[in-house]
Amino acid sequence: MKDPFAHTFSIVARDSITGEMAVGVQSHWFSVGALVPWGKSGVGVVATQSFVNPAYGPNGLALMEKGKSAVNALKELISKDEGREYRQVAFLDANGKASAFTGANCVESASHYVGENFSVQANMMLNDDVIPAMKKAFITNPKLPLAERVVMALQAAQDAGGDIRGKQSAALIVVGPNKVENSWEDKKIDLRVDDSDNPLAELERLLKVARAYEYMNRGDLAMEEENVEKALEEYGNAEKMFPKNLEMRYWKAVALANSGRIKEAIPVFKSIFEEDENWRTMTLRLPASGLLNVSKTDLKLIVE
């Protein structure tokens, strides 16, 4: 086979409440996120692995966008693939219907399980415990946000034995329930760990950072709407997750200053400047951009 390797375990899943869809994957192969996970908001998600035929990603999504179910879309593409017995593929559509295929020539331990709103699949595993572990982890954690739930399923697979070769890379994508007009709005979460001794731990860390920056983004939006109290709340939530992150502390201080709470803002600014003088320079530049709306007197108090 000339097709690229991506022997691995993965999950495609949908949140029955929010309608979000996700693909999570880990492998002992470099940059698994470049090959295995595919998704489109309002359409579906795809995981294509083993001896990978990447065309299953865009072609599968195109068929589902035209109205074909995950079952029929996968069946159509499998029937046309002469290398099908080396493939492992899973489709999930926006209705939560999943379908999976494991070719006879996939390296054992190889299997899949299709459930309601999800499918888990794995090949070249250490043992046959991986699929049951992923299934159990996903089913028994329905209250978690989808991304965290998917990462938990991946961790359960690793804990059960995982890839017989070990671990190297991981990826996670989440798309929304509705089609979007702009392609850059398509993925709500798009995280990749291309090379790591512990890719799932790094993926989990990145997901936490992503969640913190979701608070930051909501804070920025609140500032645009001149809702300073809401901005402070959102920036504060981000800061709680990463209290040592200067960026998160800084914009909270800016929000405090913009709301007239200069006395509260100054010590926050000072603590940041002590760690990195560049933020002082940054502060002097903000008024011209309209991002810091304070008097010259107050600006001097902040930066002196």
C-alpha atoms as a PDB file:
ATOM      1  CA  MET A   1       0.000   0.000   0.000  1.00  0.00           C
ATOM      2  CA  LYS A   2       1.277   3.464  -0.936  1.00  0.00           C
ATOM      3  CA  ASP A   3      -1.274   5.227   1.242  1.00  0.00           C
ATOM      4  CA  PRO A   4      -0.005   7.010   4.384  1.00  0.00           C
ATOM      5  CA  PHE A   5      -0.129   5.189   7.704  1.00  0.00           C
ATOM      6  CA  ALA A   6      -2.280   6.388  10.552  1.00  0.00           C
ATOM      7  CA  HIS A   7      -2.838   3.290  12.652  1.00  0.00           C
ATOM      8  CA  THR A   8      -4.705   4.705  15.579  1.00  0.00           C
ATOM      9  CA  PHE A   9      -7.780   4.962  17.752  1.00  0.00           C
ATOM     10  CA  SER A  10     -10.429   7.627  17.296  1.00  0.00           C
ATOM     11  CA  ILE A  11     -13.949   8.718  18.108  1.00  0.00           C
ATOM     12  CA  VAL A  12     -16.548  10.621  16.110  1.00  0.00           C
ATOM     13  CA  ALA A  13     -19.338  11.997  18.264  1.00  0.00           C
ATOM     14  CA  ARG A  14     -22.254  14.406  18.509  1.00  0.00           C
ATOM     15  CA  ASP A  15     -23.692  16.244  21.501  1.00  0.00           C
ATOM     16  CA  SER A  16     -27.398  15.502  21.468  1.00  0.00           C
ATOM     17  CA  ILE A  17     -28.162  18.778  23.292  1.00  0.00           C
ATOM     18  CA  THR A  18     -25.995  21.325  21.462  1.00  0.00           C
ATOM     19  CA  GLY A  19     -25.714  19.485  18.142  1.00  0.00           C
ATOM     20  CA  GLU A  20     -21.941  19.999  18.101  1.00  0.00           C
ATOM     21  CA  MET A  21     -19.924  17.254  16.395  1.00  0.00           C
ATOM     22  CA  ALA A  22     -16.350  16.188  17.098  1.00  0.00           C
ATOM     23  CA  VAL A  23     -13.465  13.966  16.093  1.00  0.00           C
ATOM     24  CA  GLY A  24     -10.781  12.963  18.571  1.00  0.00           C
ATOM     25  CA  VAL A  25      -7.755  10.834  17.704  1.00  0.00           C
ATOM     26  CA  GLN A  26      -4.402   9.637  19.040  1.00  0.00           C
ATOM     27  CA  SER A  27      -1.700   7.642  17.258  1.00  0.00           C
ATOM     28  CA  HIS A  28       1.934   6.620  17.341  1.00  0.00           C
ATOM     29  CA  TRP A  29       2.444   8.514  14.099  1.00  0.00           C
ATOM     30  CA  PHE A  30       3.607  12.051  13.437  1.00  0.00           C
ATOM     31  CA  SER A  31       0.919  14.722  12.934  1.00  0.00           C
ATOM     32  CA  VAL A  32      -2.131  12.455  12.950  1.00  0.00           C
ATOM     33  CA  GLY A  33      -4.333  15.568  12.889  1.00  0.00           C
ATOM     34  CA  ALA A  34      -3.272  16.279   9.304  1.00  0.00           C
ATOM     35  CA  LEU A  35      -4.832  13.051   8.020  1.00  0.00           C
ATOM     36  CA  VAL A  36      -7.514  11.524  10.219  1.00  0.00           C
ATOM     37  CA  PRO A  37     -10.068  14.155  11.400  1.00  0.00           C
ATOM     38  CA  TRP A  38     -12.442  16.009   9.077  1.00  0.00           C
ATOM     39  CA  GLY A  39     -15.533  18.030   9.846  1.00  0.00           C
ATOM     40  CA  LYS A  40     -17.952  20.645   8.596  1.00  0.00           C
ATOM     41  CA  SER A  41     -20.501  22.552  10.654  1.00  0.00           C
ATOM     42  CA  GLY A  42     -24.078  21.540   9.994  1.00  0.00           C
ATOM     43  CA  VAL A  43     -22.912  18.567   7.912  1.00  0.00           C
ATOM     44  CA  GLY A  44     -20.916  15.958   9.808  1.00  0.00           C
ATOM     45  CA  VAL A  45     -17.530  14.586  10.786  1.00  0.00           C
ATOM     46  CA  VAL A  46     -15.213  11.888   9.440  1.00  0.00           C
ATOM     47  CA  ALA A  47     -12.312   9.844  10.818  1.00  0.00           C
ATOM     48  CA  THR A  48     -10.246   8.050   8.162  1.00  0.00           C
ATOM     49  CA  GLN A  49      -7.404   5.862   9.417  1.00  0.00           C
ATOM     50  CA  SER A  50      -5.344   2.654   9.163  1.00  0.00           C
ATOM     51  CA  PHE A  51      -3.871   2.854   5.621  1.00  0.00           C
ATOM     52  CA  VAL A  52      -5.402   6.281   5.179  1.00  0.00           C
ATOM     53  CA  ASN A  53      -7.318   7.356   2.132  1.00  0.00           C
ATOM     54  CA  PRO A  54      -7.661  11.091   2.915  1.00  0.00           C
ATOM     55  CA  ALA A  55     -10.302  11.463   0.191  1.00  0.00           C
ATOM     56  CA  TYR A  56     -12.846   9.930   2.553  1.00  0.00           C
ATOM     57  CA  GLY A  57     -12.766  13.226   4.459  1.00  0.00           C
ATOM     58  CA  PRO A  58     -13.778  15.805   1.848  1.00  0.00           C
ATOM     59  CA  ASN A  59     -15.727  13.321  -0.278  1.00  0.00           C
ATOM     60  CA  GLY A  60     -17.677  12.009   2.683  1.00  0.00           C
ATOM     61  CA  LEU A  61     -18.539  15.495   3.856  1.00  0.00           C
ATOM     62  CA  ALA A  62     -19.629  16.439   0.334  1.00  0.00           C
ATOM     63  CA  LEU A  63     -22.016  13.494   0.154  1.00  0.00           C
ATOM     64  CA  MET A  64     -23.481  14.215   3.575  1.00  0.00           C
ATOM     65  CA  GLU A  65     -23.901  17.875   2.636  1.00  0.00           C
ATOM     66  CA  LYS A  66     -25.933  16.745  -0.352  1.00  0.00           C
ATOM     67  CA  GLY A  67     -28.287  14.954   2.018  1.00  0.00           C
ATOM     68  CA  LYS A  68     -26.922  11.432   2.192  1.00  0.00           C
ATOM     69  CA  SER A  69     -26.877   9.831   5.611  1.00  0.00           C
ATOM     70  CA  ALA A  70     -23.580   8.786   7.183  1.00  0.00           C
ATOM     71  CA  VAL A  71     -24.512   5.172   6.478  1.00  0.00           C
ATOM     72  CA  ASN A  72     -25.216   5.688   2.786  1.00  0.00           C
ATOM     73  CA  ALA A  73     -22.311   8.073   2.225  1.00  0.00           C
ATOM     74  CA  LEU A  74     -19.797   5.657   3.728  1.00  0.00           C
ATOM     75  CA  LYS A  75     -21.307   2.698   1.890  1.00  0.00           C
ATOM     76  CA  GLU A  76     -20.978   4.541  -1.428  1.00  0.00           C
ATOM     77  CA  LEU A  77     -17.328   5.441  -0.924  1.00  0.00           C
ATOM     78  CA  ILE A  78     -16.334   2.022   0.402  1.00  0.00           C
ATOM     79  CA  SER A  79     -17.888   0.337  -2.638  1.00  0.00           C
ATOM     80  CA  LYS A  80     -15.641   2.373  -4.957  1.00  0.00           C
ATOM     81  CA  ASP A  81     -12.405   1.856  -3.005  1.00  0.00           C
ATOM     82  CA  GLU A  82     -10.219  -1.021  -4.208  1.00  0.00           C
ATOM     83  CA  GLY A  83      -8.138  -0.710  -1.049  1.00  0.00           C
ATOM     84  CA  ARG A  84     -11.167  -0.938   1.233  1.00  0.00           C
ATOM     85  CA  GLU A  85      -9.909  -3.941   3.192  1.00  0.00           C
ATOM     86  CA  TYR A  86      -7.007  -1.849   4.476  1.00  0.00           C
ATOM     87  CA  ARG A  87      -9.227   1.031   5.578  1.00  0.00           C
ATOM     88  CA  GLN A  88     -10.855   1.973   8.816  1.00  0.00           C
ATOM     89  CA  VAL A  89     -13.345   4.810   8.491  1.00  0.00           C
ATOM     90  CA  ALA A  90     -16.149   6.370  10.531  1.00  0.00           C
ATOM     91  CA  PHE A  91     -18.775   8.902   9.442  1.00  0.00           C
ATOM     92  CA  LEU A  92     -21.253  10.795  11.595  1.00  0.00           C
ATOM     93  CA  ASP A  93     -23.897  13.123  10.180  1.00  0.00           C
ATOM     94  CA  ALA A  94     -25.659  16.165  11.643  1.00  0.00           C
ATOM     95  CA  ASN A  95     -28.606  13.981  12.692  1.00  0.00           C
ATOM     96  CA  GLY A  96     -26.335  11.939  14.948  1.00  0.00           C
ATOM     97  CA  LYS A  97     -26.376   8.834  12.776  1.00  0.00           C
ATOM     98  CA  ALA A  98     -22.993   7.129  12.671  1.00  0.00           C
ATOM     99  CA  SER A  99     -21.471   4.460  10.468  1.00  0.00           C
ATOM    100  CA  ALA A 100     -18.101   2.737  10.546  1.00  0.00           C
ATOM    101  CA  PHE A 101     -16.088   0.245   8.512  1.00  0.00           C
ATOM    102  CA  THR A 102     -13.077  -1.857   9.493  1.00  0.00           C
ATOM    103  CA  GLY A 103     -11.402  -3.680   6.603  1.00  0.00           C
ATOM    104  CA  ALA A 104     -10.336  -7.284   6.947  1.00  0.00           C
ATOM    105  CA  ASN A 105      -6.671  -6.385   6.440  1.00  0.00           C
ATOM    106  CA  CYS A 106      -6.461  -3.786   9.204  1.00  0.00           C
ATOM    107  CA  VAL A 107      -3.778  -4.788  11.696  1.00  0.00           C
ATOM    108  CA  GLU A 108      -5.200  -6.407  14.800  1.00  0.00           C
ATOM    109  CA  SER A 109      -6.418  -5.616  17.322  1.00  0.00           C
ATOM    110  CA  ALA A 110      -8.861  -3.775  15.066  1.00  0.00           C
ATOM    111  CA  SER A 111     -12.574  -3.170  15.523  1.00  0.00           C
ATOM    112  CA  HIS A 112     -15.247  -0.507  15.926  1.00  0.00           C
ATOM    113  CA  TYR A 113     -18.476   0.118  17.779  1.00  0.00           C
ATOM    114  CA  VAL A 114     -21.314   2.315  16.509  1.00  0.00           C
ATOM    115  CA  GLY A 115     -23.690   3.750  19.088  1.00  0.00           C
ATOM    116  CA  GLU A 116     -26.227   6.532  19.329  1.00  0.00           C
ATOM    117  CA  ASN A 117     -24.511   9.810  18.377  1.00  0.00           C
ATOM    118  CA  PHE A 118     -21.026   8.272  18.286  1.00  0.00           C
ATOM    119  CA  SER A 119     -18.668   5.688  16.878  1.00  0.00           C
ATOM    120  CA  VAL A 120     -15.353   4.493  18.293  1.00  0.00           C
ATOM    121  CA  GLN A 121     -12.769   2.692  16.167  1.00  0.00           C
ATOM    122  CA  ALA A 122      -9.233   1.416  16.595  1.00  0.00           C
ATOM    123  CA  ASN A 123      -6.587  -0.650  14.841  1.00  0.00           C
ATOM    124  CA  MET A 124      -3.103  -1.894  15.736  1.00  0.00           C
ATOM    125  CA  MET A 125      -4.083  -1.835  19.403  1.00  0.00           C
ATOM    126  CA  LEU A 126      -2.308  -3.632  22.240  1.00  0.00           C
ATOM    127  CA  ASN A 127      -5.446  -5.568  23.112  1.00  0.00           C
ATOM    128  CA  ASP A 128      -9.202  -5.868  22.570  1.00  0.00           C
ATOM    129  CA  ASP A 129     -10.046  -3.730  25.603  1.00  0.00           C
ATOM    130  CA  VAL A 130      -9.629  -0.390  23.835  1.00  0.00           C
ATOM    131  CA  ILE A 131     -12.996  -0.184  22.080  1.00  0.00           C
ATOM    132  CA  PRO A 132     -15.064  -1.193  25.155  1.00  0.00           C
ATOM    133  CA  ALA A 133     -13.132   1.352  27.253  1.00  0.00           C
ATOM    134  CA  MET A 134     -13.830   4.187  24.799  1.00  0.00           C
ATOM    135  CA  LYS A 135     -17.486   3.220  24.550  1.00  0.00           C
ATOM    136  CA  LYS A 136     -17.910   3.157  28.331  1.00  0.00           C
ATOM    137  CA  ALA A 137     -16.116   6.478  28.860  1.00  0.00           C
ATOM    138  CA  PHE A 138     -18.272   8.248  26.297  1.00  0.00           C
ATOM    139  CA  ILE A 139     -21.595   6.784  27.406  1.00  0.00           C
ATOM    140  CA  THR A 140     -21.036   7.341  31.132  1.00  0.00           C
ATOM    141  CA  ASN A 141     -20.100  11.037  30.898  1.00  0.00           C
ATOM    142  CA  PRO A 142     -23.096  12.653  29.172  1.00  0.00           C
ATOM    143  CA  LYS A 143     -22.933  15.890  31.199  1.00  0.00           C
ATOM    144  CA  LEU A 144     -19.442  16.865  30.057  1.00  0.00           C
ATOM    145  CA  PRO A 145     -19.040  19.313  27.167  1.00  0.00           C
ATOM    146  CA  LEU A 146     -18.472  17.350  23.964  1.00  0.00           C
ATOM    147  CA  ALA A 147     -14.774  18.208  23.586  1.00  0.00           C
ATOM    148  CA  GLU A 148     -13.949  17.164  27.155  1.00  0.00           C
ATOM    149  CA  ARG A 149     -16.063  14.037  26.746  1.00  0.00           C
ATOM    150  CA  VAL A 150     -14.150  13.048  23.613  1.00  0.00           C
ATOM    151  CA  VAL A 151     -10.782  13.597  25.304  1.00  0.00           C
ATOM    152  CA  MET A 152     -11.949  11.419  28.195  1.00  0.00           C
ATOM    153  CA  ALA A 153     -12.814   8.642  25.745  1.00  0.00           C
ATOM    154  CA  LEU A 154      -9.355   8.915  24.189  1.00  0.00           C
ATOM    155  CA  GLN A 155      -7.713   8.747  27.605  1.00  0.00           C
ATOM    156  CA  ALA A 156      -9.757   5.660  28.441  1.00  0.00           C
ATOM    157  CA  ALA A 157      -8.440   4.036  25.271  1.00  0.00           C
ATOM    158  CA  GLN A 158      -4.863   4.830  26.229  1.00  0.00           C
ATOM    159  CA  ASP A 159      -5.392   3.581  29.779  1.00  0.00           C
ATOM    160  CA  ALA A 160      -6.749   0.314  28.377  1.00  0.00           C
ATOM    161  CA  GLY A 161      -3.572  -0.266  26.367  1.00  0.00           C
ATOM    162  CA  GLY A 162      -3.843   1.969  23.339  1.00  0.00           C
ATOM    163  CA  ASP A 163      -1.646   1.689  20.272  1.00  0.00           C
ATOM    164  CA  ILE A 164       0.727  -1.279  20.539  1.00  0.00           C
ATOM    165  CA  ARG A 165       3.575   1.001  19.356  1.00  0.00           C
ATOM    166  CA  GLY A 166       2.999   3.703  21.956  1.00  0.00           C
ATOM    167  CA  LYS A 167       1.890   7.312  21.475  1.00  0.00           C
ATOM    168  CA  GLN A 168       3.122  10.351  19.550  1.00  0.00           C
ATOM    169  CA  SER A 169       0.385  12.685  18.272  1.00  0.00           C
ATOM    170  CA  ALA A 170      -3.241  13.606  18.883  1.00  0.00           C
ATOM    171  CA  ALA A 171      -5.903  15.938  17.532  1.00  0.00           C
ATOM    172  CA  LEU A 172      -9.353  17.260  18.337  1.00  0.00           C
ATOM    173  CA  ILE A 173     -11.827  19.146  16.181  1.00  0.00           C
ATOM    174  CA  VAL A 174     -15.321  20.350  17.053  1.00  0.00           C
ATOM    175  CA  VAL A 175     -17.780  21.787  14.535  1.00  0.00           C
ATOM    176  CA  GLY A 176     -21.165  23.369  15.116  1.00  0.00           C
ATOM    177  CA  PRO A 177     -24.717  22.149  14.462  1.00  0.00           C
ATOM    178  CA  ASN A 178     -25.478  24.711  11.766  1.00  0.00           C
ATOM    179  CA  LYS A 179     -23.828  25.569   8.475  1.00  0.00           C
ATOM    180  CA  VAL A 180     -21.725  28.719   8.514  1.00  0.00           C
ATOM    181  CA  GLU A 181     -21.250  31.304   5.811  1.00  0.00           C
ATOM    182  CA  ASN A 182     -17.516  31.774   6.300  1.00  0.00           C
ATOM    183  CA  SER A 183     -15.054  28.877   6.235  1.00  0.00           C
ATOM    184  CA  TRP A 184     -12.992  30.360   9.072  1.00  0.00           C
ATOM    185  CA  GLU A 185     -16.004  30.049  11.368  1.00  0.00           C
ATOM    186  CA  ASP A 186     -16.354  26.329  10.685  1.00  0.00           C
ATOM    187  CA  LYS A 187     -14.298  24.783  13.476  1.00  0.00           C
ATOM    188  CA  LYS A 188     -15.223  25.785  17.012  1.00  0.00           C
ATOM    189  CA  ILE A 189     -12.202  23.884  18.335  1.00  0.00           C
ATOM    190  CA  ASP A 190      -9.203  22.835  16.239  1.00  0.00           C
ATOM    191  CA  LEU A 191      -6.300  21.461  18.284  1.00  0.00           C
ATOM    192  CA  ARG A 192      -3.299  19.408  17.221  1.00  0.00           C
ATOM    193  CA  VAL A 193      -0.380  17.887  19.061  1.00  0.00           C
ATOM    194  CA  ASP A 194       1.938  16.770  16.271  1.00  0.00           C
ATOM    195  CA  ASP A 195       4.776  15.236  18.297  1.00  0.00           C
ATOM    196  CA  SER A 196       4.835  14.608  22.042  1.00  0.00           C
ATOM    197  CA  ASP A 197       5.810  12.035  24.635  1.00  0.00           C
ATOM    198  CA  ASN A 198       2.327  12.424  26.117  1.00  0.00           C
ATOM    199  CA  PRO A 199       0.029  13.819  23.415  1.00  0.00           C
ATOM    200  CA  LEU A 200      -3.244  13.377  25.293  1.00  0.00           C
ATOM    201  CA  ALA A 201      -1.987  15.282  28.320  1.00  0.00           C
ATOM    202  CA  GLU A 202      -0.899  18.083  25.981  1.00  0.00           C
ATOM    203  CA  LEU A 203      -4.226  17.949  24.126  1.00  0.00           C
ATOM    204  CA  GLU A 204      -6.085  18.255  27.420  1.00  0.00           C
ATOM    205  CA  ARG A 205      -3.898  21.236  28.392  1.00  0.00           C
ATOM    206  CA  LEU A 206      -4.539  22.944  25.069  1.00  0.00           C
ATOM    207  CA  LEU A 207      -8.267  22.378  25.449  1.00  0.00           C
ATOM    208  CA  LYS A 208      -8.161  24.104  28.818  1.00  0.00           C
ATOM    209  CA  VAL A 209      -6.293  27.034  27.252  1.00  0.00           C
ATOM    210  CA  ALA A 210      -8.882  27.154  24.477  1.00  0.00           C
ATOM    211  CA  ARG A 211     -11.678  27.315  27.032  1.00  0.00           C
ATOM    212  CA  ALA A 212      -9.926  30.149  28.852  1.00  0.00           C
ATOM    213  CA  TYR A 213      -9.595  32.112  25.626  1.00  0.00           C
ATOM    214  CA  GLU A 214     -13.281  31.572  24.950  1.00  0.00           C
ATOM    215  CA  TYR A 215     -13.827  33.632  28.102  1.00  0.00           C
ATOM    216  CA  MET A 216     -11.309  36.178  26.804  1.00  0.00           C
ATOM    217  CA  ASN A 217     -13.131  36.436  23.487  1.00  0.00           C
ATOM    218  CA  ARG A 218     -16.443  36.948  25.261  1.00  0.00           C
ATOM    219  CA  GLY A 219     -14.770  39.628  27.367  1.00  0.00           C
ATOM    220  CA  ASP A 220     -13.537  41.381  24.234  1.00  0.00           C
ATOM    221  CA  LEU A 221     -17.036  41.257  22.776  1.00  0.00           C
ATOM    222  CA  ALA A 222     -18.488  42.712  25.954  1.00  0.00           C
ATOM    223  CA  MET A 223     -15.938  45.539  25.784  1.00  0.00           C
ATOM    224  CA  GLU A 224     -16.990  46.285  22.200  1.00  0.00           C
ATOM    225  CA  GLU A 225     -20.558  46.500  23.468  1.00  0.00           C
ATOM    226  CA  GLU A 226     -19.358  48.775  26.306  1.00  0.00           C
ATOM    227  CA  ASN A 227     -20.585  46.253  28.865  1.00  0.00           C
ATOM    228  CA  VAL A 228     -17.648  46.599  31.215  1.00  0.00           C
ATOM    229  CA  GLU A 229     -19.105  44.563  34.065  1.00  0.00           C
ATOM    230  CA  LYS A 230     -19.689  41.620  31.741  1.00  0.00           C
ATOM    231  CA  ALA A 231     -16.171  42.006  30.366  1.00  0.00           C
ATOM    232  CA  LEU A 232     -14.717  41.944  33.865  1.00  0.00           C
ATOM    233  CA  GLU A 233     -16.653  38.792  34.634  1.00  0.00           C
ATOM    234  CA  GLU A 234     -15.416  37.030  31.496  1.00  0.00           C
ATOM    235  CA  TYR A 235     -11.800  38.164  31.911  1.00  0.00           C
ATOM    236  CA  GLY A 236     -11.969  37.123  35.547  1.00  0.00           C
ATOM    237  CA  ASN A 237     -13.144  33.637  34.583  1.00  0.00           C
ATOM    238  CA  ALA A 238     -10.220  33.320  32.185  1.00  0.00           C
ATOM    239  CA  GLU A 239      -7.769  34.535  34.814  1.00  0.00           C
ATOM    240  CA  LYS A 240      -9.019  31.958  37.318  1.00  0.00           C
ATOM    241  CA  MET A 241      -8.100  29.200  34.875  1.00  0.00           C
ATOM    242  CA  PHE A 242      -4.590  30.579  34.212  1.00  0.00           C
ATOM    243  CA  PRO A 243      -3.712  33.072  36.967  1.00  0.00           C
ATOM    244  CA  LYS A 244      -0.091  33.376  35.773  1.00  0.00           C
ATOM    245  CA  ASN A 245      -1.045  34.275  32.218  1.00  0.00           C
ATOM    246  CA  LEU A 246      -0.125  37.952  31.775  1.00  0.00           C
ATOM    247  CA  GLU A 247      -2.446  38.437  28.799  1.00  0.00           C
ATOM    248  CA  MET A 248      -5.510  37.479  30.797  1.00  0.00           C
ATOM    249  CA  ARG A 249      -4.545  39.641  33.773  1.00  0.00           C
ATOM    250  CA  TYR A 250      -3.710  42.556  31.508  1.00  0.00           C
ATOM    251  CA  TRP A 251      -7.039  42.877  29.729  1.00  0.00           C
ATOM    252  CA  LYS A 252      -8.844  42.579  33.024  1.00  0.00           C
ATOM    253  CA  ALA A 253      -6.795  45.588  34.209  1.00  0.00           C
ATOM    254  CA  VAL A 254      -7.699  47.468  31.023  1.00  0.00           C
ATOM    255  CA  ALA A 255     -11.373  46.748  31.621  1.00  0.00           C
ATOM    256  CA  LEU A 256     -11.079  48.016  35.191  1.00  0.00           C
ATOM    257  CA  ALA A 257      -9.406  51.224  33.988  1.00  0.00           C
ATOM    258  CA  ASN A 258     -12.004  51.770  31.277  1.00  0.00           C
ATOM    259  CA  SER A 259     -14.759  51.472  33.852  1.00  0.00           C
ATOM    260  CA  GLY A 260     -13.169  54.212  35.964  1.00  0.00           C
ATOM    261  CA  ARG A 261     -11.834  51.826  38.604  1.00  0.00           C
ATOM    262  CA  ILE A 262      -8.284  53.149  38.311  1.00  0.00           C
ATOM    263  CA  LYS A 263      -7.314  52.366  41.907  1.00  0.00           C
ATOM    264  CA  GLU A 264      -8.179  48.685  41.345  1.00  0.00           C
ATOM    265  CA  ALA A 265      -6.465  48.602  37.961  1.00  0.00           C
ATOM    266  CA  ILE A 266      -3.130  50.148  38.960  1.00  0.00           C
ATOM    267  CA  PRO A 267      -1.803  47.308  41.166  1.00  0.00           C
ATOM    268  CA  VAL A 268      -2.725  44.781  38.477  1.00  0.00           C
ATOM    269  CA  PHE A 269      -0.883  46.797  35.848  1.00  0.00           C
ATOM    270  CA  LYS A 270       2.119  47.218  38.166  1.00  0.00           C
ATOM    271  CA  SER A 271       2.380  43.496  38.848  1.00  0.00           C
ATOM    272  CA  ILE A 272       2.368  42.812  35.110  1.00  0.00           C
ATOM    273  CA  PHE A 273       4.986  45.480  34.359  1.00  0.00           C
ATOM    274  CA  GLU A 274       7.263  43.991  37.020  1.00  0.00           C
ATOM    275  CA  GLU A 275       7.237  40.713  35.115  1.00  0.00           C
ATOM    276  CA  ASP A 276       7.517  42.153  31.611  1.00  0.00           C
ATOM    277  CA  GLU A 277       8.271  45.782  30.733  1.00  0.00           C
ATOM    278  CA  ASN A 278       6.864  45.354  27.233  1.00  0.00           C
ATOM    279  CA  TRP A 279       3.351  45.558  28.671  1.00  0.00           C
ATOM    280  CA  ARG A 280       4.115  49.074  29.933  1.00  0.00           C
ATOM    281  CA  THR A 281       5.039  50.100  26.389  1.00  0.00           C
ATOM    282  CA  MET A 282       1.914  48.377  25.129  1.00  0.00           C
ATOM    283  CA  THR A 283      -0.207  50.396  27.566  1.00  0.00           C
ATOM    284  CA  LEU A 284       1.166  53.685  26.260  1.00  0.00           C
ATOM    285  CA  ARG A 285       0.073  52.687  22.753  1.00  0.00           C
ATOM    286  CA  LEU A 286      -3.508  51.698  23.594  1.00  0.00           C
ATOM    287  CA  PRO A 287      -5.163  55.127  23.935  1.00  0.00           C
ATOM    288  CA  ALA A 288      -4.427  55.996  20.294  1.00  0.00           C
ATOM    289  CA  SER A 289      -6.240  52.820  19.240  1.00  0.00           C
ATOM    290  CA  GLY A 290      -9.220  53.550  21.480  1.00  0.00           C
ATOM    291  CA  LEU A 291      -8.621  50.464  23.595  1.00  0.00           C
ATOM    292  CA  LEU A 292      -7.722  52.342  26.776  1.00  0.00           C
ATOM    293  CA  ASN A 293      -9.976  55.282  27.522  1.00  0.00           C
ATOM    294  CA  VAL A 294      -8.407  57.129  30.436  1.00  0.00           C
ATOM    295  CA  SER A 295      -7.220  60.669  31.050  1.00  0.00           C
ATOM    296  CA  LYS A 296      -3.575  61.616  30.599  1.00  0.00           C
ATOM    297  CA  THR A 297      -3.337  61.958  34.355  1.00  0.00           C
ATOM    298  CA  ASP A 298      -4.653  58.453  34.944  1.00  0.00           C
ATOM    299  CA  LEU A 299      -2.435  57.031  32.183  1.00  0.00           C
ATOM    300  CA  LYS A 300       0.562  58.527  33.930  1.00  0.00           C
ATOM    301  CA  LEU A 301      -0.509  56.938  37.214  1.00  0.00           C
ATOM    302  CA  ILE A 302      -0.788  53.574  35.481  1.00  0.00           C
ATOM    303  CA  VAL A 303       2.583  53.572  33.711  1.00  0.00           C
ATOM    304  CA  GLU A 304       4.831  55.643  36.024  1.00  0.00           C
END
